[in-house]
Amino acid sequence: YIFGTMHLIPKEQFLFPESLQDKVKNADLLVMEISGLSEQMKGMQLMMLEEGNLFDFFTEEQADSIFTYSEENLGYTEEQLKTMFGKMKPFVLIQLMTKNSFGESPASYEMSLEKIAKENETSVEGLETIEEQMALFDNIPMEEQVEMVMSSLRNADSSAVETQKLIDAYLNQDIDSLHRYMKQSDSEMSGFEDDFLNKRNKNWIPLIKQYIKKNKTFIAVGAGHLGGEKGVIELLRQEGYTLTPIEL
């Protein structure tokens, strides 16, 4: 099976029926973008700046805007934000703002899938390492990361509406509509589609072929990777595989 996830989703809209859980339980191998929480914890080190302070990259006026947004929306005072995130890279602020648009304590498909795998002693593998994922952000020039943060702030009021459109497309289980929406969106990441989606999709295919040849495998990757001409499903079809959609 290949399943499209949302890395974050409001708890009340978390679609995880028993039929889906059973498919994970019956698999010999769970394959995700990275191989679980241990990789994510390692990622914390890779989010840190080698030197300097996060807020040194912003003008005083920009930093004030960030502090105001943080206090009003994230619950961190200026001092708390400086203490907790001052040594991190700018893209961490984008992740904070993105998480905020999914409400308090959003659900995670990846954590839920890994929990099932652990309970059933199912092996977990990744299609890439956390180092490879973090390198995608490191390849974005610092001034562009700063502009992405400020763009997120400017669009904060419309973020909840756009997030709900994305969730609606996901819950409709129409991967092509979801892919089109992501391509047409004004997301700060939209200019990096080739690096963040297409190249990674292509790199995953040999690994997927290797995993499914030897194991009864449940594959879970971000739903945005599945649709489109350069998506994982079409790439697998080009390799000669037959893929049949299953509605949850």
Foldseek 3Di string as FASTA:
>chain_A
DEAAWDQWAAPVLDDDDPVNLVLLLPWQEEEEQAFDDVLVVVLVVLQFAPDFWQCVLDDPVLLVLLQVCCVVQVVAHSVRCCVPPGGGALVVLVVSLLNSLRPPPTDGPRVVSVVSCVVSVHHTHHLDGSVLVSVLVVPDDSNLSSVLNVVCSVCSVCSNVLVVVLSVVVLVVDLQVNLVSLCPDPHSCNVVCCPPAQVSLVSSVVVVVVDVVVIRYYYYYHSNQADDCRHNVNVVVVVVDDDDDDDD
